[in-house]
């Protein structure tokens, strides 16, 4: 996703495919856990949720298939509902991301 967003050279399709395989393997473990709970740890959002989701705001470039895992999609949508997560630079002057 980073190379695609910033145009940092050619994309190695084999590495992309490996990344998707790793994502699916991890999602297969995470999805059933999140199907049984609202957040990763405890009953409210925690550092663990934010840490696990750090790459997801850039999923428009990465294209991870979150919709294949409804409990992961639901979990991430909860984070997206938090204003400061969705727009951490609100009120600051900064150039838009490409």
PDB file of N, CA and C in Angstrom:
ATOM      1  N   UNK A   1       0.806  -1.198   0.000  1.00  0.00           N
ATOM      2  CA  UNK A   1       0.000   0.000   0.000  1.00  0.00           C
ATOM      3  C   UNK A   1       0.847   1.259   0.000  1.00  0.00           C
ATOM      4  N   UNK A   2       1.960   1.249   0.737  1.00  0.00           N
ATOM      5  CA  UNK A   2       2.810   2.440   0.821  1.00  0.00           C
ATOM      6  C   UNK A   2       3.423   2.770  -0.530  1.00  0.00           C
ATOM      7  N   UNK A   3       3.956   1.769  -1.209  1.00  0.00           N
ATOM      8  CA  UNK A   3       4.545   2.011  -2.526  1.00  0.00           C
ATOM      9  C   UNK A   3       3.494   2.541  -3.491  1.00  0.00           C
ATOM     10  N   UNK A   4       2.299   1.973  -3.435  1.00  0.00           N
ATOM     11  CA  UNK A   4       1.243   2.415  -4.337  1.00  0.00           C
ATOM     12  C   UNK A   4       0.830   3.850  -4.036  1.00  0.00           C
ATOM     13  N   UNK A   5       0.650   4.165  -2.769  1.00  0.00           N
ATOM     14  CA  UNK A   5       0.191   5.506  -2.391  1.00  0.00           C
ATOM     15  C   UNK A   5       1.190   6.568  -2.787  1.00  0.00           C
ATOM     16  N   UNK A   6       2.455   6.326  -2.541  1.00  0.00           N
ATOM     17  CA  UNK A   6       3.483   7.350  -2.746  1.00  0.00           C
ATOM     18  C   UNK A   6       4.256   7.176  -4.049  1.00  0.00           C
ATOM     19  N   UNK A   7       3.923   6.162  -4.849  1.00  0.00           N
ATOM     20  CA  UNK A   7       4.608   5.952  -6.113  1.00  0.00           C
ATOM     21  C   UNK A   7       6.093   5.670  -5.940  1.00  0.00           C
ATOM     22  N   UNK A   8       6.420   4.765  -5.025  1.00  0.00           N
ATOM     23  CA  UNK A   8       7.819   4.488  -4.680  1.00  0.00           C
ATOM     24  C   UNK A   8       8.381   3.293  -5.448  1.00  0.00           C
ATOM     25  N   UNK A   9       8.274   3.321  -6.729  1.00  0.00           N
ATOM     26  CA  UNK A   9       8.863   2.265  -7.534  1.00  0.00           C
ATOM     27  C   UNK A   9       7.885   1.165  -7.884  1.00  0.00           C
ATOM     28  N   UNK A  10       8.397   0.170  -8.585  1.00  0.00           N
ATOM     29  CA  UNK A  10       7.529  -0.906  -9.066  1.00  0.00           C
ATOM     30  C   UNK A  10       7.006  -1.781  -7.923  1.00  0.00           C
ATOM     31  N   UNK A  11       5.858  -2.348  -8.157  1.00  0.00           N
ATOM     32  CA  UNK A  11       5.215  -3.243  -7.198  1.00  0.00           C
ATOM     33  C   UNK A  11       5.634  -4.675  -7.537  1.00  0.00           C
ATOM     34  N   UNK A  12       6.115  -5.392  -6.560  1.00  0.00           N
ATOM     35  CA  UNK A  12       6.474  -6.805  -6.729  1.00  0.00           C
ATOM     36  C   UNK A  12       5.219  -7.626  -6.460  1.00  0.00           C
ATOM     37  N   UNK A  13       4.574  -8.078  -7.511  1.00  0.00           N
ATOM     38  CA  UNK A  13       3.296  -8.773  -7.387  1.00  0.00           C
ATOM     39  C   UNK A  13       3.406 -10.024  -6.529  1.00  0.00           C
ATOM     40  N   UNK A  14       4.542 -10.703  -6.553  1.00  0.00           N
ATOM     41  CA  UNK A  14       4.718 -11.898  -5.717  1.00  0.00           C
ATOM     42  C   UNK A  14       4.655 -11.524  -4.240  1.00  0.00           C
ATOM     43  N   UNK A  15       5.234 -10.392  -3.872  1.00  0.00           N
ATOM     44  CA  UNK A  15       5.177  -9.943  -2.478  1.00  0.00           C
ATOM     45  C   UNK A  15       3.756  -9.530  -2.091  1.00  0.00           C
ATOM     46  N   UNK A  16       3.047  -8.919  -3.020  1.00  0.00           N
ATOM     47  CA  UNK A  16       1.657  -8.551  -2.758  1.00  0.00           C
ATOM     48  C   UNK A  16       0.833  -9.804  -2.501  1.00  0.00           C
ATOM     49  N   UNK A  17       0.997 -10.805  -3.349  1.00  0.00           N
ATOM     50  CA  UNK A  17       0.254 -12.056  -3.179  1.00  0.00           C
ATOM     51  C   UNK A  17       0.604 -12.731  -1.856  1.00  0.00           C
ATOM     52  N   UNK A  18       1.872 -12.692  -1.474  1.00  0.00           N
ATOM     53  CA  UNK A  18       2.281 -13.260  -0.185  1.00  0.00           C
ATOM     54  C   UNK A  18       1.632 -12.485   0.961  1.00  0.00           C
ATOM     55  N   UNK A  19       1.586 -11.179   0.834  1.00  0.00           N
ATOM     56  CA  UNK A  19       0.926 -10.362   1.854  1.00  0.00           C
ATOM     57  C   UNK A  19      -0.540 -10.723   2.008  1.00  0.00           C
ATOM     58  N   UNK A  20      -1.223 -10.964   0.902  1.00  0.00           N
ATOM     59  CA  UNK A  20      -2.621 -11.377   0.975  1.00  0.00           C
ATOM     60  C   UNK A  20      -2.761 -12.752   1.640  1.00  0.00           C
ATOM     61  N   UNK A  21      -1.838 -13.669   1.345  1.00  0.00           N
ATOM     62  CA  UNK A  21      -1.880 -14.987   1.995  1.00  0.00           C
ATOM     63  C   UNK A  21      -1.709 -14.837   3.506  1.00  0.00           C
ATOM     64  N   UNK A  22      -0.763 -14.005   3.908  1.00  0.00           N
ATOM     65  CA  UNK A  22      -0.536 -13.777   5.334  1.00  0.00           C
ATOM     66  C   UNK A  22      -1.770 -13.118   5.968  1.00  0.00           C
ATOM     67  N   UNK A  23      -2.353 -12.148   5.270  1.00  0.00           N
ATOM     68  CA  UNK A  23      -3.558 -11.499   5.788  1.00  0.00           C
ATOM     69  C   UNK A  23      -4.668 -12.524   5.998  1.00  0.00           C
ATOM     70  N   UNK A  24      -4.919 -13.369   5.011  1.00  0.00           N
ATOM     71  CA  UNK A  24      -5.998 -14.358   5.134  1.00  0.00           C
ATOM     72  C   UNK A  24      -5.727 -15.334   6.283  1.00  0.00           C
ATOM     73  N   UNK A  25      -4.485 -15.736   6.461  1.00  0.00           N
ATOM     74  CA  UNK A  25      -4.144 -16.647   7.567  1.00  0.00           C
ATOM     75  C   UNK A  25      -4.409 -15.975   8.913  1.00  0.00           C
ATOM     76  N   UNK A  26      -3.997 -14.722   9.054  1.00  0.00           N
ATOM     77  CA  UNK A  26      -4.215 -14.002  10.314  1.00  0.00           C
ATOM     78  C   UNK A  26      -5.700 -13.697  10.516  1.00  0.00           C
ATOM     79  N   UNK A  27      -6.382 -13.309   9.444  1.00  0.00           N
ATOM     80  CA  UNK A  27      -7.808 -12.991   9.550  1.00  0.00           C
ATOM     81  C   UNK A  27      -8.614 -14.220   9.941  1.00  0.00           C
ATOM     82  N   UNK A  28      -8.205 -15.391   9.482  1.00  0.00           N
ATOM     83  CA  UNK A  28      -8.911 -16.625   9.843  1.00  0.00           C
ATOM     84  C   UNK A  28      -8.814 -16.908  11.340  1.00  0.00           C
ATOM     85  N   UNK A  29      -7.759 -16.421  11.982  1.00  0.00           N
ATOM     86  CA  UNK A  29      -7.610 -16.569  13.434  1.00  0.00           C
ATOM     87  C   UNK A  29      -8.365 -15.460  14.162  1.00  0.00           C
ATOM     88  N   UNK A  30      -8.240 -14.227  13.666  1.00  0.00           N
ATOM     89  CA  UNK A  30      -8.831 -13.072  14.327  1.00  0.00           C
ATOM     90  C   UNK A  30     -10.354 -13.015  14.202  1.00  0.00           C
ATOM     91  N   UNK A  31     -10.886 -13.366  13.059  1.00  0.00           N
ATOM     92  CA  UNK A  31     -12.330 -13.224  12.814  1.00  0.00           C
ATOM     93  C   UNK A  31     -13.191 -13.964  13.837  1.00  0.00           C
ATOM     94  N   UNK A  32     -12.908 -15.232  14.157  1.00  0.00           N
ATOM     95  CA  UNK A  32     -13.750 -15.903  15.145  1.00  0.00           C
ATOM     96  C   UNK A  32     -13.651 -15.280  16.539  1.00  0.00           C
ATOM     97  N   UNK A  33     -12.487 -14.751  16.868  1.00  0.00           N
ATOM     98  CA  UNK A  33     -12.329 -14.081  18.160  1.00  0.00           C
ATOM     99  C   UNK A  33     -13.208 -12.836  18.207  1.00  0.00           C
ATOM    100  N   UNK A  34     -13.141 -12.028  17.153  1.00  0.00           N
ATOM    101  CA  UNK A  34     -13.947 -10.800  17.123  1.00  0.00           C
ATOM    102  C   UNK A  34     -15.438 -11.076  16.963  1.00  0.00           C
ATOM    103  N   UNK A  35     -15.776 -12.244  16.491  1.00  0.00           N
ATOM    104  CA  UNK A  35     -17.194 -12.604  16.403  1.00  0.00           C
ATOM    105  C   UNK A  35     -17.793 -12.790  17.799  1.00  0.00           C
ATOM    106  N   UNK A  36     -16.927 -13.044  18.790  1.00  0.00           N
ATOM    107  CA  UNK A  36     -17.383 -13.291  20.161  1.00  0.00           C
ATOM    108  C   UNK A  36     -17.244 -12.085  21.079  1.00  0.00           C
ATOM    109  N   UNK A  37     -16.618 -11.018  20.586  1.00  0.00           N
ATOM    110  CA  UNK A  37     -16.421  -9.841  21.430  1.00  0.00           C
ATOM    111  C   UNK A  37     -16.446  -8.577  20.590  1.00  0.00           C
ATOM    112  N   UNK A  38     -16.665  -7.474  21.257  1.00  0.00           N
ATOM    113  CA  UNK A  38     -16.776  -6.190  20.566  1.00  0.00           C
ATOM    114  C   UNK A  38     -15.412  -5.597  20.219  1.00  0.00           C
ATOM    115  N   UNK A  39     -14.457  -5.734  21.128  1.00  0.00           N
ATOM    116  CA  UNK A  39     -13.116  -5.170  20.970  1.00  0.00           C
ATOM    117  C   UNK A  39     -12.091  -6.270  21.193  1.00  0.00           C
ATOM    118  N   UNK A  40     -10.842  -5.992  20.900  1.00  0.00           N
ATOM    119  CA  UNK A  40      -9.805  -7.020  21.056  1.00  0.00           C
ATOM    120  C   UNK A  40      -9.588  -7.436  22.497  1.00  0.00           C
ATOM    121  N   UNK A  41      -9.580  -6.447  23.419  1.00  0.00           N
ATOM    122  CA  UNK A  41      -9.297  -6.723  24.822  1.00  0.00           C
ATOM    123  C   UNK A  41     -10.363  -6.043  25.675  1.00  0.00           C
ATOM    124  N   UNK A  42     -11.025  -6.770  26.497  1.00  0.00           N
ATOM    125  CA  UNK A  42     -11.992  -6.170  27.404  1.00  0.00           C
ATOM    126  C   UNK A  42     -13.263  -5.705  26.711  1.00  0.00           C
ATOM    127  N   UNK A  43     -13.960  -4.796  27.380  1.00  0.00           N
ATOM    128  CA  UNK A  43     -15.279  -4.361  26.913  1.00  0.00           C
ATOM    129  C   UNK A  43     -15.278  -2.985  26.269  1.00  0.00           C
ATOM    130  N   UNK A  44     -14.092  -2.413  26.082  1.00  0.00           N
ATOM    131  CA  UNK A  44     -14.035  -1.097  25.443  1.00  0.00           C
ATOM    132  C   UNK A  44     -12.785  -1.010  24.572  1.00  0.00           C
ATOM    133  N   UNK A  45     -12.777  -0.010  23.740  1.00  0.00           N
ATOM    134  CA  UNK A  45     -11.636   0.194  22.858  1.00  0.00           C
ATOM    135  C   UNK A  45     -10.370   0.384  23.690  1.00  0.00           C
ATOM    136  N   UNK A  46      -9.258  -0.148  23.188  1.00  0.00           N
ATOM    137  CA  UNK A  46      -7.989  -0.051  23.914  1.00  0.00           C
ATOM    138  C   UNK A  46      -6.852   0.194  22.921  1.00  0.00           C
ATOM    139  N   UNK A  47      -5.686   0.388  23.493  1.00  0.00           N
ATOM    140  CA  UNK A  47      -4.485   0.552  22.675  1.00  0.00           C
ATOM    141  C   UNK A  47      -4.339  -0.611  21.694  1.00  0.00           C
ATOM    142  N   UNK A  48      -4.689  -1.805  22.109  1.00  0.00           N
ATOM    143  CA  UNK A  48      -4.567  -2.985  21.241  1.00  0.00           C
ATOM    144  C   UNK A  48      -5.354  -2.809  19.953  1.00  0.00           C
ATOM    145  N   UNK A  49      -6.557  -2.255  20.053  1.00  0.00           N
ATOM    146  CA  UNK A  49      -7.372  -2.045  18.852  1.00  0.00           C
ATOM    147  C   UNK A  49      -6.695  -1.070  17.901  1.00  0.00           C
ATOM    148  N   UNK A  50      -6.234   0.058  18.444  1.00  0.00           N
ATOM    149  CA  UNK A  50      -5.584   1.052  17.598  1.00  0.00           C
ATOM    150  C   UNK A  50      -4.303   0.493  16.985  1.00  0.00           C
ATOM    151  N   UNK A  51      -3.532  -0.231  17.775  1.00  0.00           N
ATOM    152  CA  UNK A  51      -2.262  -0.778  17.285  1.00  0.00           C
ATOM    153  C   UNK A  51      -2.493  -1.788  16.170  1.00  0.00           C
ATOM    154  N   UNK A  52      -3.480  -2.646  16.344  1.00  0.00           N
ATOM    155  CA  UNK A  52      -3.771  -3.666  15.323  1.00  0.00           C
ATOM    156  C   UNK A  52      -4.296  -3.057  14.032  1.00  0.00           C
ATOM    157  N   UNK A  53      -4.896  -1.892  14.120  1.00  0.00           N
ATOM    158  CA  UNK A  53      -5.549  -1.300  12.948  1.00  0.00           C
ATOM    159  C   UNK A  53      -4.714  -0.218  12.272  1.00  0.00           C
ATOM    160  N   UNK A  54      -3.465  -0.048  12.662  1.00  0.00           N
ATOM    161  CA  UNK A  54      -2.691   1.092  12.165  1.00  0.00           C
ATOM    162  C   UNK A  54      -2.595   1.160  10.644  1.00  0.00           C
ATOM    163  N   UNK A  55      -2.623   0.049   9.965  1.00  0.00           N
ATOM    164  CA  UNK A  55      -2.488   0.056   8.512  1.00  0.00           C
ATOM    165  C   UNK A  55      -3.834   0.193   7.793  1.00  0.00           C
ATOM    166  N   UNK A  56      -4.930   0.012   8.481  1.00  0.00           N
ATOM    167  CA  UNK A  56      -6.225  -0.022   7.818  1.00  0.00           C
ATOM    168  C   UNK A  56      -6.725   1.318   7.281  1.00  0.00           C
ATOM    169  N   UNK A  57      -6.327   2.466   7.843  1.00  0.00           N
ATOM    170  CA  UNK A  57      -6.760   3.718   7.202  1.00  0.00           C
ATOM    171  C   UNK A  57      -6.236   3.859   5.768  1.00  0.00           C
ATOM    172  N   UNK A  58      -5.246   3.073   5.405  1.00  0.00           N
ATOM    173  CA  UNK A  58      -4.663   3.130   4.070  1.00  0.00           C
ATOM    174  C   UNK A  58      -5.104   1.944   3.213  1.00  0.00           C
ATOM    175  N   UNK A  59      -6.160   1.280   3.636  1.00  0.00           N
ATOM    176  CA  UNK A  59      -6.618   0.109   2.916  1.00  0.00           C
ATOM    177  C   UNK A  59      -7.164   0.443   1.534  1.00  0.00           C
ATOM    178  N   UNK A  60      -7.483   1.715   1.283  1.00  0.00           N
ATOM    179  CA  UNK A  60      -7.902   2.073  -0.070  1.00  0.00           C
ATOM    180  C   UNK A  60      -6.792   1.748  -1.068  1.00  0.00           C
ATOM    181  N   UNK A  61      -5.542   1.877  -0.658  1.00  0.00           N
ATOM    182  CA  UNK A  61      -4.414   1.528  -1.523  1.00  0.00           C
ATOM    183  C   UNK A  61      -4.052   0.052  -1.400  1.00  0.00           C
ATOM    184  N   UNK A  62      -4.086  -0.485  -0.194  1.00  0.00           N
ATOM    185  CA  UNK A  62      -3.674  -1.875   0.025  1.00  0.00           C
ATOM    186  C   UNK A  62      -4.701  -2.869  -0.509  1.00  0.00           C
ATOM    187  N   UNK A  63      -5.964  -2.570  -0.338  1.00  0.00           N
ATOM    188  CA  UNK A  63      -7.012  -3.436  -0.868  1.00  0.00           C
ATOM    189  C   UNK A  63      -7.210  -4.746  -0.141  1.00  0.00           C
ATOM    190  N   UNK A  64      -6.972  -4.759   1.166  1.00  0.00           N
ATOM    191  CA  UNK A  64      -7.234  -5.986   1.920  1.00  0.00           C
ATOM    192  C   UNK A  64      -8.730  -6.275   1.924  1.00  0.00           C
ATOM    193  N   UNK A  65      -9.122  -7.519   1.742  1.00  0.00           N
ATOM    194  CA  UNK A  65     -10.547  -7.875   1.615  1.00  0.00           C
ATOM    195  C   UNK A  65     -11.262  -7.980   2.968  1.00  0.00           C
ATOM    196  N   UNK A  66     -11.437  -6.849   3.632  1.00  0.00           N
ATOM    197  CA  UNK A  66     -12.098  -6.849   4.945  1.00  0.00           C
ATOM    198  C   UNK A  66     -13.519  -7.390   4.869  1.00  0.00           C
ATOM    199  N   UNK A  67     -14.192  -7.154   3.756  1.00  0.00           N
ATOM    200  CA  UNK A  67     -15.580  -7.602   3.638  1.00  0.00           C
ATOM    201  C   UNK A  67     -15.711  -9.122   3.620  1.00  0.00           C
ATOM    202  N   UNK A  68     -14.610  -9.823   3.399  1.00  0.00           N
ATOM    203  CA  UNK A  68     -14.627 -11.290   3.477  1.00  0.00           C
ATOM    204  C   UNK A  68     -14.709 -11.775   4.923  1.00  0.00           C
ATOM    205  N   UNK A  69     -14.492 -10.860   5.866  1.00  0.00           N
ATOM    206  CA  UNK A  69     -14.464 -11.181   7.296  1.00  0.00           C
ATOM    207  C   UNK A  69     -15.379 -10.205   8.040  1.00  0.00           C
ATOM    208  N   UNK A  70     -16.677 -10.514   8.116  1.00  0.00           N
ATOM    209  CA  UNK A  70     -17.646  -9.561   8.686  1.00  0.00           C
ATOM    210  C   UNK A  70     -17.317  -9.093  10.097  1.00  0.00           C
ATOM    211  N   UNK A  71     -16.772  -9.955  10.937  1.00  0.00           N
ATOM    212  CA  UNK A  71     -16.475  -9.501  12.302  1.00  0.00           C
ATOM    213  C   UNK A  71     -15.298  -8.529  12.318  1.00  0.00           C
ATOM    214  N   UNK A  72     -14.343  -8.713  11.436  1.00  0.00           N
ATOM    215  CA  UNK A  72     -13.229  -7.767  11.334  1.00  0.00           C
ATOM    216  C   UNK A  72     -13.727  -6.450  10.755  1.00  0.00           C
ATOM    217  N   UNK A  73     -14.578  -6.515   9.756  1.00  0.00           N
ATOM    218  CA  UNK A  73     -15.161  -5.303   9.173  1.00  0.00           C
ATOM    219  C   UNK A  73     -15.939  -4.528  10.242  1.00  0.00           C
ATOM    220  N   UNK A  74     -16.756  -5.225  11.021  1.00  0.00           N
ATOM    221  CA  UNK A  74     -17.540  -4.575  12.076  1.00  0.00           C
ATOM    222  C   UNK A  74     -16.624  -3.907  13.089  1.00  0.00           C
ATOM    223  N   UNK A  75     -15.580  -4.626  13.512  1.00  0.00           N
ATOM    224  CA  UNK A  75     -14.620  -4.083  14.466  1.00  0.00           C
ATOM    225  C   UNK A  75     -13.960  -2.818  13.922  1.00  0.00           C
ATOM    226  N   UNK A  76     -13.508  -2.887  12.663  1.00  0.00           N
ATOM    227  CA  UNK A  76     -12.848  -1.713  12.112  1.00  0.00           C
ATOM    228  C   UNK A  76     -13.825  -0.556  11.909  1.00  0.00           C
ATOM    229  N   UNK A  77     -15.049  -0.853  11.538  1.00  0.00           N
ATOM    230  CA  UNK A  77     -16.059   0.211  11.398  1.00  0.00           C
ATOM    231  C   UNK A  77     -16.284   0.929  12.728  1.00  0.00           C
ATOM    232  N   UNK A  78     -16.191   0.216  13.839  1.00  0.00           N
ATOM    233  CA  UNK A  78     -16.306   0.855  15.155  1.00  0.00           C
ATOM    234  C   UNK A  78     -15.183   1.864  15.368  1.00  0.00           C
ATOM    235  N   UNK A  79     -13.967   1.501  14.965  1.00  0.00           N
ATOM    236  CA  UNK A  79     -12.858   2.446  15.071  1.00  0.00           C
ATOM    237  C   UNK A  79     -13.084   3.648  14.162  1.00  0.00           C
ATOM    238  N   UNK A  80     -13.558   3.399  12.963  1.00  0.00           N
ATOM    239  CA  UNK A  80     -13.818   4.488  12.021  1.00  0.00           C
ATOM    240  C   UNK A  80     -14.893   5.452  12.529  1.00  0.00           C
ATOM    241  N   UNK A  81     -15.723   5.000  13.443  1.00  0.00           N
ATOM    242  CA  UNK A  81     -16.762   5.867  14.014  1.00  0.00           C
ATOM    243  C   UNK A  81     -16.184   6.847  15.034  1.00  0.00           C
ATOM    244  N   UNK A  82     -14.944   6.650  15.430  1.00  0.00           N
ATOM    245  CA  UNK A  82     -14.285   7.546  16.386  1.00  0.00           C
ATOM    246  C   UNK A  82     -13.666   8.701  15.598  1.00  0.00           C
ATOM    247  N   UNK A  83     -14.156   9.914  15.840  1.00  0.00           N
ATOM    248  CA  UNK A  83     -13.713  11.071  15.061  1.00  0.00           C
ATOM    249  C   UNK A  83     -12.198  11.217  15.016  1.00  0.00           C
ATOM    250  N   UNK A  84     -11.541  11.113  16.149  1.00  0.00           N
ATOM    251  CA  UNK A  84     -10.093  11.322  16.202  1.00  0.00           C
ATOM    252  C   UNK A  84      -9.326  10.228  15.461  1.00  0.00           C
ATOM    253  N   UNK A  85      -9.901   9.052  15.344  1.00  0.00           N
ATOM    254  CA  UNK A  85      -9.257   7.992  14.570  1.00  0.00           C
ATOM    255  C   UNK A  85      -9.453   8.255  13.086  1.00  0.00           C
ATOM    256  N   UNK A  86     -10.662   8.582  12.722  1.00  0.00           N
ATOM    257  CA  UNK A  86     -11.014   8.783  11.326  1.00  0.00           C
ATOM    258  C   UNK A  86     -10.299   9.995  10.725  1.00  0.00           C
ATOM    259  N   UNK A  87     -10.128  11.047  11.534  1.00  0.00           N
ATOM    260  CA  UNK A  87      -9.505  12.275  11.038  1.00  0.00           C
ATOM    261  C   UNK A  87      -8.551  12.830  12.089  1.00  0.00           C
ATOM    262  N   UNK A  88      -7.391  12.186  12.261  1.00  0.00           N
ATOM    263  CA  UNK A  88      -6.485  12.587  13.339  1.00  0.00           C
ATOM    264  C   UNK A  88      -5.857  13.964  13.149  1.00  0.00           C
ATOM    265  N   UNK A  89      -5.958  14.512  11.955  1.00  0.00           N
ATOM    266  CA  UNK A  89      -5.337  15.803  11.690  1.00  0.00           C
ATOM    267  C   UNK A  89      -6.365  16.934  11.589  1.00  0.00           C
ATOM    268  N   UNK A  90      -7.569  16.680  12.076  1.00  0.00           N
ATOM    269  CA  UNK A  90      -8.619  17.713  12.016  1.00  0.00           C
ATOM    270  C   UNK A  90      -8.120  18.994  12.681  1.00  0.00           C
ATOM    271  N   UNK A  91      -8.310  20.095  11.985  1.00  0.00           N
ATOM    272  CA  UNK A  91      -7.914  21.391  12.522  1.00  0.00           C
ATOM    273  C   UNK A  91      -6.480  21.763  12.240  1.00  0.00           C
ATOM    274  N   UNK A  92      -5.689  20.870  11.705  1.00  0.00           N
ATOM    275  CA  UNK A  92      -4.305  21.179  11.379  1.00  0.00           C
ATOM    276  C   UNK A  92      -4.193  21.502   9.892  1.00  0.00           C
ATOM    277  N   UNK A  93      -3.258  22.337   9.562  1.00  0.00           N
ATOM    278  CA  UNK A  93      -3.012  22.630   8.154  1.00  0.00           C
ATOM    279  C   UNK A  93      -1.957  21.668   7.646  1.00  0.00           C
ATOM    280  N   UNK A  94      -2.344  20.847   6.719  1.00  0.00           N
ATOM    281  CA  UNK A  94      -1.416  19.877   6.132  1.00  0.00           C
ATOM    282  C   UNK A  94      -1.879  19.590   4.716  1.00  0.00           C
ATOM    283  N   UNK A  95      -0.962  19.272   3.839  1.00  0.00           N
ATOM    284  CA  UNK A  95      -1.372  18.933   2.469  1.00  0.00           C
ATOM    285  C   UNK A  95      -2.142  17.623   2.463  1.00  0.00           C
ATOM    286  N   UNK A  96      -3.074  17.483   1.564  1.00  0.00           N
ATOM    287  CA  UNK A  96      -3.827  16.218   1.489  1.00  0.00           C
ATOM    288  C   UNK A  96      -2.926  15.071   1.047  1.00  0.00           C
ATOM    289  N   UNK A  97      -3.246  13.888   1.503  1.00  0.00           N
ATOM    290  CA  UNK A  97      -2.533  12.696   1.045  1.00  0.00           C
ATOM    291  C   UNK A  97      -2.892  12.433  -0.408  1.00  0.00           C
ATOM    292  N   UNK A  98      -1.955  11.914  -1.182  1.00  0.00           N
ATOM    293  CA  UNK A  98      -2.289  11.580  -2.579  1.00  0.00           C
ATOM    294  C   UNK A  98      -3.268  10.425  -2.639  1.00  0.00           C
TER     295      UNK A  98
END
